[in-house]
Amino acid sequence: MSTVVDARGLSCPQPVLMTLDEIKKVNKGEIEVLVDTDTSKENVTRAAESQGWQVKEIQGKGEGYRIIINKD
């Protein structure tokens, strides 16, 4: 079961900060991040990779994006 960070409706840097907080909390495993802008998608992806996490999947989802990141 993955952790979900719902950052829809928030502007940067809020989605990135929420994702980084969750990364610190869980340390490894899978996190699902929900965002609704291209900018947030790019920034969250970059932030996750900078922390050593892999972006497994990015899905366009209705009004936004579902980003799956993981770390073993």
N, C-alpha and C. Protein backbone atom coordinates (compact mmCIF):
# COMPACT_ATOMS: atom_id res chain seq x y z
N MET A 1 0.85 -1.19 0.00
CA MET A 1 0.00 0.00 0.00
C MET A 1 0.89 1.25 0.00
N SER A 2 0.67 2.10 -0.97
CA SER A 2 1.51 3.29 -1.05
C SER A 2 0.91 4.44 -0.25
N THR A 3 1.77 5.34 0.14
CA THR A 3 1.35 6.56 0.81
C THR A 3 0.91 7.55 -0.26
N VAL A 4 -0.12 8.33 0.03
CA VAL A 4 -0.60 9.30 -0.96
C VAL A 4 -0.36 10.72 -0.45
N VAL A 5 0.24 11.54 -1.31
CA VAL A 5 0.41 12.97 -1.05
C VAL A 5 -0.51 13.68 -2.02
N ASP A 6 -1.57 14.29 -1.52
CA ASP A 6 -2.52 14.98 -2.38
C ASP A 6 -2.20 16.47 -2.37
N ALA A 7 -1.51 16.92 -3.42
CA ALA A 7 -1.10 18.33 -3.49
C ALA A 7 -1.88 19.07 -4.58
N ARG A 8 -3.03 18.51 -4.96
CA ARG A 8 -3.84 19.17 -5.98
C ARG A 8 -4.37 20.50 -5.44
N GLY A 9 -4.37 21.50 -6.32
CA GLY A 9 -4.87 22.81 -5.92
C GLY A 9 -3.84 23.69 -5.24
N LEU A 10 -2.65 23.15 -5.03
CA LEU A 10 -1.60 23.92 -4.37
C LEU A 10 -0.56 24.34 -5.38
N SER A 11 0.00 25.53 -5.18
CA SER A 11 1.03 25.99 -6.12
C SER A 11 2.41 25.74 -5.51
N CYS A 12 3.40 25.64 -6.38
CA CYS A 12 4.77 25.41 -5.92
C CYS A 12 5.21 26.58 -5.03
N PRO A 13 5.99 26.29 -4.01
CA PRO A 13 6.70 25.03 -3.78
C PRO A 13 5.96 24.02 -2.90
N GLN A 14 4.70 24.28 -2.58
CA GLN A 14 3.97 23.42 -1.64
C GLN A 14 3.98 21.92 -2.01
N PRO A 15 3.66 21.54 -3.26
CA PRO A 15 3.69 20.10 -3.59
C PRO A 15 5.06 19.47 -3.38
N VAL A 16 6.13 20.22 -3.71
CA VAL A 16 7.49 19.71 -3.53
C VAL A 16 7.78 19.52 -2.04
N LEU A 17 7.44 20.51 -1.24
CA LEU A 17 7.70 20.42 0.21
C LEU A 17 6.93 19.26 0.83
N MET A 18 5.67 19.08 0.42
CA MET A 18 4.87 17.96 0.95
C MET A 18 5.48 16.62 0.56
N THR A 19 5.95 16.53 -0.68
CA THR A 19 6.58 15.29 -1.15
C THR A 19 7.86 15.01 -0.38
N LEU A 20 8.70 16.04 -0.20
CA LEU A 20 9.95 15.86 0.54
C LEU A 20 9.70 15.49 2.00
N ASP A 21 8.67 16.06 2.61
CA ASP A 21 8.30 15.69 3.98
C ASP A 21 7.95 14.20 4.05
N GLU A 22 7.17 13.75 3.08
CA GLU A 22 6.75 12.34 3.06
C GLU A 22 7.95 11.42 2.82
N ILE A 23 8.85 11.83 1.93
CA ILE A 23 10.06 11.05 1.66
C ILE A 23 10.87 10.88 2.96
N LYS A 24 10.99 11.96 3.74
CA LYS A 24 11.73 11.88 5.02
C LYS A 24 11.03 10.94 5.99
N LYS A 25 9.69 10.98 6.00
CA LYS A 25 8.92 10.15 6.93
C LYS A 25 9.05 8.67 6.62
N VAL A 26 8.85 8.30 5.35
CA VAL A 26 8.78 6.88 5.01
C VAL A 26 10.14 6.27 4.67
N ASN A 27 11.07 7.10 4.19
CA ASN A 27 12.45 6.65 3.93
C ASN A 27 12.60 5.70 2.75
N LYS A 28 11.65 4.79 2.56
CA LYS A 28 11.66 3.90 1.40
C LYS A 28 10.26 3.39 1.16
N GLY A 29 10.10 2.69 0.03
CA GLY A 29 8.78 2.19 -0.33
C GLY A 29 8.22 2.94 -1.51
N GLU A 30 6.91 3.16 -1.50
CA GLU A 30 6.26 3.81 -2.63
C GLU A 30 5.39 4.97 -2.17
N ILE A 31 5.45 6.05 -2.90
CA ILE A 31 4.63 7.23 -2.61
C ILE A 31 3.91 7.62 -3.89
N GLU A 32 2.63 7.89 -3.75
CA GLU A 32 1.82 8.37 -4.87
C GLU A 32 1.58 9.86 -4.63
N VAL A 33 1.96 10.69 -5.59
CA VAL A 33 1.81 12.13 -5.46
C VAL A 33 0.79 12.62 -6.49
N LEU A 34 -0.22 13.35 -6.03
CA LEU A 34 -1.25 13.89 -6.92
C LEU A 34 -1.04 15.39 -7.05
N VAL A 35 -0.86 15.85 -8.29
CA VAL A 35 -0.69 17.28 -8.56
C VAL A 35 -1.56 17.66 -9.75
N ASP A 36 -1.76 18.96 -9.92
CA ASP A 36 -2.64 19.35 -11.02
C ASP A 36 -2.05 20.35 -12.01
N THR A 37 -0.72 20.55 -11.96
CA THR A 37 -0.10 21.42 -12.96
C THR A 37 1.17 20.77 -13.51
N ASP A 38 1.53 21.17 -14.73
CA ASP A 38 2.77 20.67 -15.33
C ASP A 38 3.98 21.06 -14.50
N THR A 39 3.97 22.29 -14.00
CA THR A 39 5.09 22.78 -13.19
C THR A 39 5.28 21.93 -11.95
N SER A 40 4.19 21.64 -11.25
CA SER A 40 4.27 20.79 -10.05
C SER A 40 4.78 19.40 -10.41
N LYS A 41 4.30 18.86 -11.52
CA LYS A 41 4.73 17.53 -11.97
C LYS A 41 6.25 17.52 -12.18
N GLU A 42 6.76 18.51 -12.91
CA GLU A 42 8.20 18.59 -13.17
C GLU A 42 9.00 18.76 -11.89
N ASN A 43 8.55 19.67 -11.02
CA ASN A 43 9.29 19.98 -9.79
C ASN A 43 9.29 18.81 -8.82
N VAL A 44 8.15 18.14 -8.67
CA VAL A 44 8.06 16.99 -7.76
C VAL A 44 8.95 15.86 -8.28
N THR A 45 8.91 15.63 -9.59
CA THR A 45 9.74 14.58 -10.20
C THR A 45 11.21 14.85 -9.95
N ARG A 46 11.62 16.08 -10.19
CA ARG A 46 13.03 16.46 -10.00
C ARG A 46 13.43 16.34 -8.52
N ALA A 47 12.58 16.79 -7.63
CA ALA A 47 12.88 16.73 -6.19
C ALA A 47 13.03 15.28 -5.73
N ALA A 48 12.13 14.42 -6.18
CA ALA A 48 12.19 13.00 -5.79
C ALA A 48 13.49 12.37 -6.27
N GLU A 49 13.84 12.64 -7.53
CA GLU A 49 15.07 12.06 -8.08
C GLU A 49 16.30 12.59 -7.36
N SER A 50 16.26 13.84 -6.93
CA SER A 50 17.41 14.41 -6.21
C SER A 50 17.60 13.76 -4.85
N GLN A 51 16.54 13.12 -4.34
CA GLN A 51 16.62 12.41 -3.05
C GLN A 51 16.92 10.92 -3.23
N GLY A 52 17.20 10.52 -4.47
CA GLY A 52 17.54 9.13 -4.73
C GLY A 52 16.33 8.24 -4.98
N TRP A 53 15.18 8.84 -5.19
CA TRP A 53 13.96 8.08 -5.47
C TRP A 53 13.80 7.93 -6.98
N GLN A 54 13.15 6.84 -7.40
CA GLN A 54 12.90 6.61 -8.81
C GLN A 54 11.45 6.97 -9.13
N VAL A 55 11.27 7.60 -10.28
CA VAL A 55 9.92 7.87 -10.75
C VAL A 55 9.49 6.66 -11.56
N LYS A 56 8.54 5.89 -11.00
CA LYS A 56 8.10 4.66 -11.66
C LYS A 56 7.09 4.94 -12.75
N GLU A 57 6.24 5.92 -12.51
CA GLU A 57 5.11 6.12 -13.41
C GLU A 57 4.55 7.52 -13.27
N ILE A 58 4.15 8.11 -14.40
CA ILE A 58 3.42 9.38 -14.36
C ILE A 58 2.19 9.19 -15.24
N GLN A 59 1.03 9.36 -14.65
CA GLN A 59 -0.21 9.21 -15.40
C GLN A 59 -0.94 10.53 -15.43
N GLY A 60 -1.44 10.90 -16.61
CA GLY A 60 -2.35 12.03 -16.66
C GLY A 60 -3.66 11.54 -16.08
N LYS A 61 -4.23 12.29 -15.17
CA LYS A 61 -5.41 11.80 -14.47
C LYS A 61 -6.43 12.93 -14.39
N GLY A 62 -7.40 12.93 -15.29
CA GLY A 62 -8.43 13.95 -15.27
C GLY A 62 -7.84 15.34 -15.35
N GLU A 63 -7.92 16.05 -14.27
CA GLU A 63 -7.43 17.43 -14.22
C GLU A 63 -5.98 17.54 -13.79
N GLY A 64 -5.30 16.42 -13.62
CA GLY A 64 -3.92 16.52 -13.12
C GLY A 64 -3.09 15.30 -13.42
N TYR A 65 -2.16 15.02 -12.52
CA TYR A 65 -1.21 13.94 -12.71
C TYR A 65 -1.11 13.09 -11.45
N ARG A 66 -0.82 11.82 -11.67
CA ARG A 66 -0.55 10.88 -10.59
C ARG A 66 0.88 10.42 -10.80
N ILE A 67 1.75 10.75 -9.86
CA ILE A 67 3.17 10.41 -9.95
C ILE A 67 3.46 9.33 -8.92
N ILE A 68 4.01 8.22 -9.39
CA ILE A 68 4.39 7.14 -8.47
C ILE A 68 5.91 7.15 -8.36
N ILE A 69 6.40 7.34 -7.14
CA ILE A 69 7.85 7.28 -6.91
C ILE A 69 8.14 6.16 -5.92
N ASN A 70 9.31 5.57 -6.05
CA ASN A 70 9.65 4.54 -5.08
C ASN A 70 11.15 4.47 -4.82
N LYS A 71 11.45 3.85 -3.70
CA LYS A 71 12.85 3.63 -3.30
C LYS A 71 12.88 2.34 -2.50
N ASP A 72 13.84 1.47 -2.86
CA ASP A 72 13.94 0.17 -2.16
C ASP A 72 14.77 0.29 -0.90
